[in-house]
Protein backbone atom coordinates (compact mmCIF):
# COMPACT_ATOMS: atom_id res chain seq x y z
CA MET A 1 -191.34 54.21 37.83
CA ASN A 2 -192.59 50.53 36.96
CA CYS A 3 -190.47 47.99 35.35
CA PRO A 4 -190.88 47.44 31.27
CA LYS A 5 -190.68 43.73 31.56
CA CYS A 6 -193.25 42.65 34.25
CA GLY A 7 -195.65 45.91 33.72
CA THR A 8 -196.60 46.70 37.36
CA ALA A 9 -193.63 46.03 39.66
CA GLU A 10 -192.22 49.06 41.04
CA LEU A 11 -188.44 49.62 40.53
CA LYS A 12 -186.48 50.62 43.46
CA ALA A 13 -183.72 53.04 43.70
CA ILE A 14 -180.17 51.67 44.50
CA THR A 15 -177.19 53.48 44.98
CA ILE A 16 -173.84 51.78 44.06
CA ASP A 17 -170.54 54.38 43.94
CA GLY A 18 -172.60 57.25 43.66
CA VAL A 19 -175.07 55.87 40.83
CA GLU A 20 -178.55 55.41 41.42
CA VAL A 21 -179.75 52.54 39.39
CA ASP A 22 -183.25 51.08 39.89
CA GLN A 23 -184.10 47.42 40.15
CA CYS A 24 -187.29 45.26 39.72
CA ALA A 25 -187.98 43.30 43.10
CA THR A 26 -189.70 40.49 40.53
CA CYS A 27 -187.61 40.08 37.89
CA SER A 28 -183.74 41.93 38.68
CA GLY A 29 -183.84 43.56 35.69
CA LEU A 30 -181.87 46.99 35.69
CA TRP A 31 -182.71 50.70 34.76
CA PHE A 32 -180.17 52.70 34.01
CA ASP A 33 -180.92 56.27 33.40
CA ARG A 34 -178.45 58.30 30.61
CA ARG A 35 -174.99 57.83 31.73
CA GLU A 36 -175.47 55.73 34.52
CA LEU A 37 -174.52 52.47 32.71
CA GLY A 38 -171.32 53.67 31.21
CA ASP A 39 -170.50 55.39 34.72
CA LEU A 40 -171.24 52.39 37.00
CA LEU A 41 -168.95 50.19 33.77
CA ASN A 42 -166.16 52.57 33.92
CA ARG A 43 -165.31 52.56 37.39
CA ASN A 44 -164.65 49.23 37.45
CA THR A 45 -166.28 48.72 41.16
CA GLN A 46 -166.60 45.59 42.89
CA ARG A 47 -169.62 46.61 44.82
CA VAL A 48 -171.96 45.37 42.07
CA GLY A 49 -173.83 42.49 44.64
CA GLU A 50 -176.84 44.26 45.16
CA ILE A 51 -177.43 44.14 41.36
CA LEU A 52 -175.92 40.90 40.39
CA GLY A 53 -178.25 38.19 40.08
CA GLY A 54 -181.66 37.17 38.63
CA GLU A 55 -182.32 35.41 35.33
CA ASP A 56 -184.38 36.06 32.17
CA GLU A 57 -187.91 34.81 32.54
CA GLN A 58 -188.59 32.68 29.45
CA GLY A 59 -189.93 34.73 26.50
CA LYS A 60 -189.67 38.01 28.08
CA ASP A 61 -185.99 38.29 26.77
CA TYR A 62 -187.75 39.17 23.54
CA TYR A 63 -189.97 41.76 24.88
CA ARG A 64 -188.67 44.44 24.47
CA GLY A 65 -191.29 46.90 26.70
CA LYS A 66 -191.70 50.68 27.26
CA CYS A 67 -189.34 52.81 28.94
CA PRO A 68 -190.41 53.55 32.69
CA ARG A 69 -189.35 57.03 32.42
CA ASP A 70 -191.35 57.80 29.26
CA GLY A 71 -193.63 55.54 28.15
CA GLN A 72 -191.49 55.63 24.74
CA ASP A 73 -191.21 52.06 22.95
CA MET A 74 -187.69 50.72 23.46
CA LEU A 75 -185.21 49.33 21.02
CA ARG A 76 -183.99 46.05 21.30
CA VAL A 77 -179.75 46.89 20.28
CA ARG A 78 -177.02 44.17 19.77
CA SER A 79 -173.39 44.96 20.60
CA SER A 80 -171.59 45.30 17.10
CA ARG A 81 -168.63 44.33 19.08
CA ASN A 82 -170.16 41.97 21.81
CA ARG A 83 -172.47 39.88 20.13
CA ASP A 84 -173.75 38.33 23.48
CA VAL A 85 -174.85 42.39 25.07
CA THR A 86 -178.34 42.69 23.99
CA LEU A 87 -179.60 46.58 25.50
CA ASP A 88 -183.37 47.54 25.32
CA ALA A 89 -182.93 51.37 25.18
CA CYS A 90 -185.15 54.38 24.65
CA HIS A 91 -184.57 56.47 22.22
CA VAL A 92 -186.07 59.61 23.35
CA CYS A 93 -184.53 59.95 27.35
CA GLN A 94 -181.20 57.36 25.98
CA GLY A 95 -181.90 54.94 29.69
CA ILE A 96 -180.99 51.84 29.04
CA TRP A 97 -182.58 48.66 30.38
CA LEU A 98 -181.07 45.19 31.12
CA ASP A 99 -183.07 42.05 31.69
CA GLY A 100 -182.54 39.95 35.22
CA GLY A 101 -179.01 38.40 34.78
CA GLU A 102 -177.60 41.16 32.23
CA PHE A 103 -175.28 42.87 34.05
CA GLU A 104 -173.43 39.60 35.63
CA ARG A 105 -173.04 38.45 32.42
CA ILE A 106 -170.93 41.44 31.10
CA LYS A 107 -169.23 41.36 34.02
CA LYS A 108 -168.07 37.45 34.70
CA VAL A 109 -167.07 37.55 30.25
CA ARG A 110 -165.57 41.00 30.64
CA PRO A 111 -164.78 41.70 34.18
CA LYS A 112 -162.72 45.13 33.16
CA ILE A 113 -165.24 46.17 30.09
CA SER A 114 -166.21 49.42 29.33
CA LEU A 115 -169.36 51.48 27.93
CA GLY A 116 -167.51 51.85 24.47
CA ASP A 117 -166.55 47.93 24.50
CA LEU A 118 -170.33 47.29 24.63
CA VAL A 119 -171.82 49.33 22.24
């Protein structure tokens, strides 16, 4: 799968506490297949060092890109409960993309956050 923000960079699979996520080596963005983000956040795992870091590249935060799984245009979804959280979501496969640094911001602001508190 290719990164929806960089376009050509290939996503690398990383397994954290039994949850496999895909990360872009170029922009540090993260792809979560259906339920993976919720599974990881609800576990309150401390083993997330591999997927922390990265920064939103200027101008790419507003570019929603195409789903790396099925090529559909992704939707920008802003949380009604936490206005600092904006996700890129695929309406077909229900995967979620977080730009580089977004996962770290979520965990720092609310370290014990559950998926229900995000969306």
